[in-house]
Amino acid sequence: MLMSHFEEPTATEDEEPPTEQDKRKKMLALKDPVHTVSLQQFVYEKLKAQQELLGEQGFQALMETVDTEIVAQLQEFLQGF
């Protein structure tokens, strides 16, 4: 789910228009990393950090313990990043 700060909440005839508190809550929610950082970027950075922490050989040993289907899906997900 992506939220855009350009979208203004609109009220239908059954709803009340958004209050200032509603607008503040939305702006606070937009600062959440879930809405500002790409999932691909996040996963890539976490894998790189783990690789740096363990070293190349340690990281390869760890990745060998991960199910091959998961590794294939991960590689497909990160392809082109």
PDB file of N, CA and C in Angstrom:
ATOM      1  N   MET A   1       0.842  -1.176   0.000  1.00  0.00           N
ATOM      2  CA  MET A   1       0.000   0.000   0.000  1.00  0.00           C
ATOM      3  C   MET A   1       0.886   1.237   0.000  1.00  0.00           C
ATOM      4  N   LEU A   2       0.688   2.067  -0.937  1.00  0.00           N
ATOM      5  CA  LEU A   2       1.432   3.312  -0.989  1.00  0.00           C
ATOM      6  C   LEU A   2       0.473   4.462  -0.778  1.00  0.00           C
ATOM      7  N   MET A   3       0.915   5.400   0.005  1.00  0.00           N
ATOM      8  CA  MET A   3       0.114   6.591   0.238  1.00  0.00           C
ATOM      9  C   MET A   3       0.855   7.771  -0.371  1.00  0.00           C
ATOM     10  N   SER A   4       0.131   8.641  -0.954  1.00  0.00           N
ATOM     11  CA  SER A   4       0.750   9.810  -1.551  1.00  0.00           C
ATOM     12  C   SER A   4       0.328  11.051  -0.778  1.00  0.00           C
ATOM     13  N   HIS A   5       1.270  11.956  -0.589  1.00  0.00           N
ATOM     14  CA  HIS A   5       0.924  13.187   0.116  1.00  0.00           C
ATOM     15  C   HIS A   5       0.135  14.132  -0.780  1.00  0.00           C
ATOM     16  N   PHE A   6       0.016  13.786  -2.069  1.00  0.00           N
ATOM     17  CA  PHE A   6      -0.746  14.621  -2.987  1.00  0.00           C
ATOM     18  C   PHE A   6      -2.232  14.315  -2.934  1.00  0.00           C
ATOM     19  N   GLU A   7      -2.580  13.164  -2.416  1.00  0.00           N
ATOM     20  CA  GLU A   7      -3.981  12.769  -2.358  1.00  0.00           C
ATOM     21  C   GLU A   7      -4.648  13.428  -1.164  1.00  0.00           C
ATOM     22  N   GLU A   8      -5.662  14.180  -1.435  1.00  0.00           N
ATOM     23  CA  GLU A   8      -6.443  14.759  -0.357  1.00  0.00           C
ATOM     24  C   GLU A   8      -7.634  13.850  -0.118  1.00  0.00           C
ATOM     25  N   PRO A   9      -7.889  13.489   1.136  1.00  0.00           N
ATOM     26  CA  PRO A   9      -9.051  12.651   1.395  1.00  0.00           C
ATOM     27  C   PRO A   9     -10.326  13.389   1.013  1.00  0.00           C
ATOM     28  N   THR A  10     -11.179  12.692   0.327  1.00  0.00           N
ATOM     29  CA  THR A  10     -12.443  13.293  -0.068  1.00  0.00           C
ATOM     30  C   THR A  10     -13.548  12.645   0.736  1.00  0.00           C
ATOM     31  N   ALA A  11     -14.551  13.413   1.046  1.00  0.00           N
ATOM     32  CA  ALA A  11     -15.655  12.916   1.843  1.00  0.00           C
ATOM     33  C   ALA A  11     -16.853  12.674   0.937  1.00  0.00           C
ATOM     34  N   THR A  12     -17.508  11.548   1.142  1.00  0.00           N
ATOM     35  CA  THR A  12     -18.764  11.300   0.447  1.00  0.00           C
ATOM     36  C   THR A  12     -19.857  11.987   1.238  1.00  0.00           C
ATOM     37  N   GLU A  13     -21.059  11.938   0.736  1.00  0.00           N
ATOM     38  CA  GLU A  13     -22.127  12.650   1.436  1.00  0.00           C
ATOM     39  C   GLU A  13     -22.455  12.015   2.787  1.00  0.00           C
ATOM     40  N   ASP A  14     -22.071  10.742   2.992  1.00  0.00           N
ATOM     41  CA  ASP A  14     -22.321  10.086   4.270  1.00  0.00           C
ATOM     42  C   ASP A  14     -21.231  10.382   5.299  1.00  0.00           C
ATOM     43  N   GLU A  15     -20.095  10.885   4.853  1.00  0.00           N
ATOM     44  CA  GLU A  15     -18.957  11.112   5.745  1.00  0.00           C
ATOM     45  C   GLU A  15     -18.765  12.600   6.000  1.00  0.00           C
ATOM     46  N   GLU A  16     -18.120  12.859   7.124  1.00  0.00           N
ATOM     47  CA  GLU A  16     -17.760  14.235   7.437  1.00  0.00           C
ATOM     48  C   GLU A  16     -16.435  14.560   6.743  1.00  0.00           C
ATOM     49  N   PRO A  17     -16.198  15.813   6.407  1.00  0.00           N
ATOM     50  CA  PRO A  17     -14.906  16.173   5.818  1.00  0.00           C
ATOM     51  C   PRO A  17     -13.782  15.918   6.826  1.00  0.00           C
ATOM     52  N   PRO A  18     -12.569  15.664   6.324  1.00  0.00           N
ATOM     53  CA  PRO A  18     -11.457  15.373   7.245  1.00  0.00           C
ATOM     54  C   PRO A  18     -11.158  16.565   8.152  1.00  0.00           C
ATOM     55  N   THR A  19     -10.881  16.248   9.393  1.00  0.00           N
ATOM     56  CA  THR A  19     -10.547  17.293  10.365  1.00  0.00           C
ATOM     57  C   THR A  19      -9.046  17.571  10.290  1.00  0.00           C
ATOM     58  N   GLU A  20      -8.617  18.601  10.989  1.00  0.00           N
ATOM     59  CA  GLU A  20      -7.189  18.910  11.056  1.00  0.00           C
ATOM     60  C   GLU A  20      -6.425  17.749  11.699  1.00  0.00           C
ATOM     61  N   GLN A  21      -7.042  17.101  12.688  1.00  0.00           N
ATOM     62  CA  GLN A  21      -6.416  15.948  13.335  1.00  0.00           C
ATOM     63  C   GLN A  21      -6.234  14.811  12.327  1.00  0.00           C
ATOM     64  N   ASP A  22      -7.222  14.572  11.472  1.00  0.00           N
ATOM     65  CA  ASP A  22      -7.109  13.540  10.439  1.00  0.00           C
ATOM     66  C   ASP A  22      -5.963  13.861   9.483  1.00  0.00           C
ATOM     67  N   LYS A  23      -5.844  15.129   9.126  1.00  0.00           N
ATOM     68  CA  LYS A  23      -4.767  15.537   8.222  1.00  0.00           C
ATOM     69  C   LYS A  23      -3.398  15.357   8.871  1.00  0.00           C
ATOM     70  N   ARG A  24      -3.287  15.688  10.169  1.00  0.00           N
ATOM     71  CA  ARG A  24      -2.022  15.506  10.895  1.00  0.00           C
ATOM     72  C   ARG A  24      -1.659  14.032  10.996  1.00  0.00           C
ATOM     73  N   LYS A  25      -2.655  13.172  11.262  1.00  0.00           N
ATOM     74  CA  LYS A  25      -2.389  11.733  11.346  1.00  0.00           C
ATOM     75  C   LYS A  25      -1.910  11.193  10.003  1.00  0.00           C
ATOM     76  N   LYS A  26      -2.494  11.676   8.925  1.00  0.00           N
ATOM     77  CA  LYS A  26      -2.076  11.210   7.603  1.00  0.00           C
ATOM     78  C   LYS A  26      -0.647  11.662   7.307  1.00  0.00           C
ATOM     79  N   MET A  27      -0.312  12.897   7.624  1.00  0.00           N
ATOM     80  CA  MET A  27       1.045  13.386   7.378  1.00  0.00           C
ATOM     81  C   MET A  27       2.061  12.616   8.224  1.00  0.00           C
ATOM     82  N   LEU A  28       1.699  12.260   9.452  1.00  0.00           N
ATOM     83  CA  LEU A  28       2.577  11.463  10.297  1.00  0.00           C
ATOM     84  C   LEU A  28       2.760  10.062   9.715  1.00  0.00           C
ATOM     85  N   ALA A  29       1.682   9.484   9.216  1.00  0.00           N
ATOM     86  CA  ALA A  29       1.758   8.153   8.617  1.00  0.00           C
ATOM     87  C   ALA A  29       2.642   8.160   7.369  1.00  0.00           C
ATOM     88  N   LEU A  30       2.648   9.250   6.633  1.00  0.00           N
ATOM     89  CA  LEU A  30       3.464   9.339   5.421  1.00  0.00           C
ATOM     90  C   LEU A  30       4.955   9.350   5.736  1.00  0.00           C
ATOM     91  N   LYS A  31       5.324   9.699   6.964  1.00  0.00           N
ATOM     92  CA  LYS A  31       6.732   9.703   7.356  1.00  0.00           C
ATOM     93  C   LYS A  31       7.216   8.309   7.731  1.00  0.00           C
ATOM     94  N   ASP A  32       6.303   7.352   7.853  1.00  0.00           N
ATOM     95  CA  ASP A  32       6.646   5.973   8.176  1.00  0.00           C
ATOM     96  C   ASP A  32       7.494   5.389   7.047  1.00  0.00           C
ATOM     97  N   PRO A  33       8.599   4.713   7.371  1.00  0.00           N
ATOM     98  CA  PRO A  33       9.461   4.137   6.320  1.00  0.00           C
ATOM     99  C   PRO A  33       8.728   3.199   5.367  1.00  0.00           C
ATOM    100  N   VAL A  34       7.628   2.618   5.822  1.00  0.00           N
ATOM    101  CA  VAL A  34       6.851   1.741   4.951  1.00  0.00           C
ATOM    102  C   VAL A  34       6.403   2.487   3.701  1.00  0.00           C
ATOM    103  N   HIS A  35       6.179   3.775   3.820  1.00  0.00           N
ATOM    104  CA  HIS A  35       5.695   4.568   2.704  1.00  0.00           C
ATOM    105  C   HIS A  35       6.801   5.341   1.995  1.00  0.00           C
ATOM    106  N   THR A  36       8.019   5.296   2.523  1.00  0.00           N
ATOM    107  CA  THR A  36       9.076   6.103   1.919  1.00  0.00           C
ATOM    108  C   THR A  36      10.238   5.296   1.374  1.00  0.00           C
ATOM    109  N   VAL A  37      10.359   4.022   1.756  1.00  0.00           N
ATOM    110  CA  VAL A  37      11.487   3.202   1.319  1.00  0.00           C
ATOM    111  C   VAL A  37      10.958   2.038   0.490  1.00  0.00           C
ATOM    112  N   SER A  38      11.547   1.838  -0.657  1.00  0.00           N
ATOM    113  CA  SER A  38      11.180   0.730  -1.521  1.00  0.00           C
ATOM    114  C   SER A  38      11.500  -0.592  -0.826  1.00  0.00           C
ATOM    115  N   LEU A  39      10.606  -1.565  -0.949  1.00  0.00           N
ATOM    116  CA  LEU A  39      10.848  -2.868  -0.350  1.00  0.00           C
ATOM    117  C   LEU A  39      12.081  -3.519  -0.953  1.00  0.00           C
ATOM    118  N   GLN A  40      12.271  -3.376  -2.255  1.00  0.00           N
ATOM    119  CA  GLN A  40      13.470  -3.926  -2.893  1.00  0.00           C
ATOM    120  C   GLN A  40      14.724  -3.299  -2.308  1.00  0.00           C
ATOM    121  N   GLN A  41      14.717  -1.997  -2.149  1.00  0.00           N
ATOM    122  CA  GLN A  41      15.869  -1.297  -1.586  1.00  0.00           C
ATOM    123  C   GLN A  41      16.132  -1.767  -0.154  1.00  0.00           C
ATOM    124  N   PHE A  42      15.092  -1.904   0.630  1.00  0.00           N
ATOM    125  CA  PHE A  42      15.222  -2.332   2.019  1.00  0.00           C
ATOM    126  C   PHE A  42      15.832  -3.734   2.098  1.00  0.00           C
ATOM    127  N   VAL A  43      15.303  -4.671   1.309  1.00  0.00           N
ATOM    128  CA  VAL A  43      15.804  -6.047   1.325  1.00  0.00           C
ATOM    129  C   VAL A  43      17.260  -6.083   0.869  1.00  0.00           C
ATOM    130  N   TYR A  44      17.566  -5.352  -0.195  1.00  0.00           N
ATOM    131  CA  TYR A  44      18.933  -5.317  -0.716  1.00  0.00           C
ATOM    132  C   TYR A  44      19.909  -4.789   0.339  1.00  0.00           C
ATOM    133  N   GLU A  45      19.539  -3.693   0.997  1.00  0.00           N
ATOM    134  CA  GLU A  45      20.418  -3.102   2.009  1.00  0.00           C
ATOM    135  C   GLU A  45      20.615  -4.036   3.199  1.00  0.00           C
ATOM    136  N   LYS A  46      19.568  -4.744   3.606  1.00  0.00           N
ATOM    137  CA  LYS A  46      19.687  -5.676   4.730  1.00  0.00           C
ATOM    138  C   LYS A  46      20.568  -6.863   4.359  1.00  0.00           C
ATOM    139  N   LEU A  47      20.437  -7.370   3.136  1.00  0.00           N
ATOM    140  CA  LEU A  47      21.294  -8.472   2.696  1.00  0.00           C
ATOM    141  C   LEU A  47      22.752  -8.025   2.609  1.00  0.00           C
ATOM    142  N   LYS A  48      22.986  -6.821   2.090  1.00  0.00           N
ATOM    143  CA  LYS A  48      24.356  -6.295   2.003  1.00  0.00           C
ATOM    144  C   LYS A  48      24.959  -6.119   3.397  1.00  0.00           C
ATOM    145  N   ALA A  49      24.173  -5.625   4.333  1.00  0.00           N
ATOM    146  CA  ALA A  49      24.663  -5.437   5.703  1.00  0.00           C
ATOM    147  C   ALA A  49      25.017  -6.787   6.327  1.00  0.00           C
ATOM    148  N   GLN A  50      24.189  -7.790   6.070  1.00  0.00           N
ATOM    149  CA  GLN A  50      24.475  -9.119   6.606  1.00  0.00           C
ATOM    150  C   GLN A  50      25.737  -9.690   5.972  1.00  0.00           C
ATOM    151  N   GLN A  51      25.899  -9.452   4.676  1.00  0.00           N
ATOM    152  CA  GLN A  51      27.089  -9.931   3.972  1.00  0.00           C
ATOM    153  C   GLN A  51      28.345  -9.274   4.529  1.00  0.00           C
ATOM    154  N   GLU A  52      28.284  -7.978   4.799  1.00  0.00           N
ATOM    155  CA  GLU A  52      29.437  -7.273   5.366  1.00  0.00           C
ATOM    156  C   GLU A  52      29.732  -7.746   6.785  1.00  0.00           C
ATOM    157  N   LEU A  53      28.689  -8.058   7.535  1.00  0.00           N
ATOM    158  CA  LEU A  53      28.846  -8.512   8.909  1.00  0.00           C
ATOM    159  C   LEU A  53      29.493  -9.898   8.976  1.00  0.00           C
ATOM    160  N   LEU A  54      29.040 -10.800   8.105  1.00  0.00           N
ATOM    161  CA  LEU A  54      29.527 -12.180   8.137  1.00  0.00           C
ATOM    162  C   LEU A  54      30.752 -12.417   7.268  1.00  0.00           C
ATOM    163  N   GLY A  55      31.000 -11.534   6.326  1.00  0.00           N
ATOM    164  CA  GLY A  55      32.054 -11.777   5.350  1.00  0.00           C
ATOM    165  C   GLY A  55      31.502 -12.625   4.218  1.00  0.00           C
ATOM    166  N   GLU A  56      32.226 -12.665   3.115  1.00  0.00           N
ATOM    167  CA  GLU A  56      31.739 -13.357   1.923  1.00  0.00           C
ATOM    168  C   GLU A  56      31.504 -14.851   2.173  1.00  0.00           C
ATOM    169  N   GLN A  57      32.469 -15.517   2.794  1.00  0.00           N
ATOM    170  CA  GLN A  57      32.330 -16.961   3.023  1.00  0.00           C
ATOM    171  C   GLN A  57      31.218 -17.284   4.017  1.00  0.00           C
ATOM    172  N   GLY A  58      31.127 -16.519   5.075  1.00  0.00           N
ATOM    173  CA  GLY A  58      30.067 -16.729   6.062  1.00  0.00           C
ATOM    174  C   GLY A  58      28.692 -16.500   5.477  1.00  0.00           C
ATOM    175  N   PHE A  59      28.587 -15.465   4.646  1.00  0.00           N
ATOM    176  CA  PHE A  59      27.316 -15.164   4.004  1.00  0.00           C
ATOM    177  C   PHE A  59      26.927 -16.281   3.043  1.00  0.00           C
ATOM    178  N   GLN A  60      27.894 -16.771   2.256  1.00  0.00           N
ATOM    179  CA  GLN A  60      27.605 -17.873   1.330  1.00  0.00           C
ATOM    180  C   GLN A  60      27.171 -19.122   2.094  1.00  0.00           C
ATOM    181  N   ALA A  61      27.820 -19.397   3.208  1.00  0.00           N
ATOM    182  CA  ALA A  61      27.441 -20.550   4.024  1.00  0.00           C
ATOM    183  C   ALA A  61      26.015 -20.384   4.555  1.00  0.00           C
ATOM    184  N   LEU A  62      25.678 -19.181   4.965  1.00  0.00           N
ATOM    185  CA  LEU A  62      24.324 -18.908   5.451  1.00  0.00           C
ATOM    186  C   LEU A  62      23.300 -19.085   4.335  1.00  0.00           C
ATOM    187  N   MET A  63      23.596 -18.546   3.159  1.00  0.00           N
ATOM    188  CA  MET A  63      22.665 -18.636   2.033  1.00  0.00           C
ATOM    189  C   MET A  63      22.470 -20.081   1.575  1.00  0.00           C
ATOM    190  N   GLU A  64      23.462 -20.927   1.784  1.00  0.00           N
ATOM    191  CA  GLU A  64      23.315 -22.334   1.425  1.00  0.00           C
ATOM    192  C   GLU A  64      22.326 -23.057   2.324  1.00  0.00           C
ATOM    193  N   THR A  65      22.040 -22.495   3.488  1.00  0.00           N
ATOM    194  CA  THR A  65      21.067 -23.112   4.391  1.00  0.00           C
ATOM    195  C   THR A  65      19.637 -22.687   4.060  1.00  0.00           C
ATOM    196  N   VAL A  66      19.489 -21.692   3.188  1.00  0.00           N
ATOM    197  CA  VAL A  66      18.160 -21.205   2.809  1.00  0.00           C
ATOM    198  C   VAL A  66      17.628 -22.088   1.688  1.00  0.00           C
ATOM    199  N   ASP A  67      16.339 -22.395   1.733  1.00  0.00           N
ATOM    200  CA  ASP A  67      15.690 -23.216   0.715  1.00  0.00           C
ATOM    201  C   ASP A  67      15.943 -22.628  -0.678  1.00  0.00           C
ATOM    202  N   THR A  68      16.233 -23.498  -1.637  1.00  0.00           N
ATOM    203  CA  THR A  68      16.591 -23.034  -2.990  1.00  0.00           C
ATOM    204  C   THR A  68      15.462 -22.266  -3.662  1.00  0.00           C
ATOM    205  N   GLU A  69      14.217 -22.624  -3.385  1.00  0.00           N
ATOM    206  CA  GLU A  69      13.077 -21.904  -3.969  1.00  0.00           C
ATOM    207  C   GLU A  69      13.013 -20.474  -3.426  1.00  0.00           C
ATOM    208  N   ILE A  70      13.304 -20.319  -2.153  1.00  0.00           N
ATOM    209  CA  ILE A  70      13.320 -18.979  -1.546  1.00  0.00           C
ATOM    210  C   ILE A  70      14.429 -18.142  -2.156  1.00  0.00           C
ATOM    211  N   VAL A  71      15.597 -18.736  -2.329  1.00  0.00           N
ATOM    212  CA  VAL A  71      16.725 -18.016  -2.933  1.00  0.00           C
ATOM    213  C   VAL A  71      16.371 -17.594  -4.355  1.00  0.00           C
ATOM    214  N   ALA A  72      15.731 -18.480  -5.111  1.00  0.00           N
ATOM    215  CA  ALA A  72      15.335 -18.154  -6.486  1.00  0.00           C
ATOM    216  C   ALA A  72      14.333 -17.004  -6.499  1.00  0.00           C
ATOM    217  N   GLN A  73      13.370 -17.036  -5.592  1.00  0.00           N
ATOM    218  CA  GLN A  73      12.386 -15.954  -5.508  1.00  0.00           C
ATOM    219  C   GLN A  73      13.046 -14.641  -5.099  1.00  0.00           C
ATOM    220  N   LEU A  74      13.979 -14.722  -4.192  1.00  0.00           N
ATOM    221  CA  LEU A  74      14.699 -13.529  -3.740  1.00  0.00           C
ATOM    222  C   LEU A  74      15.510 -12.922  -4.885  1.00  0.00           C
ATOM    223  N   GLN A  75      16.190 -13.780  -5.642  1.00  0.00           N
ATOM    224  CA  GLN A  75      16.970 -13.297  -6.780  1.00  0.00           C
ATOM    225  C   GLN A  75      16.063 -12.660  -7.830  1.00  0.00           C
ATOM    226  N   GLU A  76      14.915 -13.274  -8.077  1.00  0.00           N
ATOM    227  CA  GLU A  76      13.965 -12.705  -9.041  1.00  0.00           C
ATOM    228  C   GLU A  76      13.439 -11.353  -8.555  1.00  0.00           C
ATOM    229  N   PHE A  77      13.152 -11.277  -7.255  1.00  0.00           N
ATOM    230  CA  PHE A  77      12.633 -10.046  -6.656  1.00  0.00           C
ATOM    231  C   PHE A  77      13.658  -8.910  -6.772  1.00  0.00           C
ATOM    232  N   LEU A  78      14.920  -9.245  -6.574  1.00  0.00           N
ATOM    233  CA  LEU A  78      15.972  -8.218  -6.577  1.00  0.00           C
ATOM    234  C   LEU A  78      16.594  -8.008  -7.950  1.00  0.00           C
ATOM    235  N   GLN A  79      16.140  -8.748  -8.950  1.00  0.00           N
ATOM    236  CA  GLN A  79      16.705  -8.629 -10.287  1.00  0.00           C
ATOM    237  C   GLN A  79      16.564  -7.196 -10.797  1.00  0.00           C
ATOM    238  N   GLY A  80      17.660  -6.674 -11.296  1.00  0.00           N
ATOM    239  CA  GLY A  80      17.635  -5.323 -11.841  1.00  0.00           C
ATOM    240  C   GLY A  80      17.836  -4.235 -10.808  1.00  0.00           C
ATOM    241  N   PHE A  81      18.039  -4.626  -9.542  1.00  0.00           N
ATOM    242  CA  PHE A  81      18.247  -3.594  -8.527  1.00  0.00           C
ATOM    243  C   PHE A  81      19.706  -3.380  -8.312  1.00  0.00           C
TER     244      PHE A  81
END
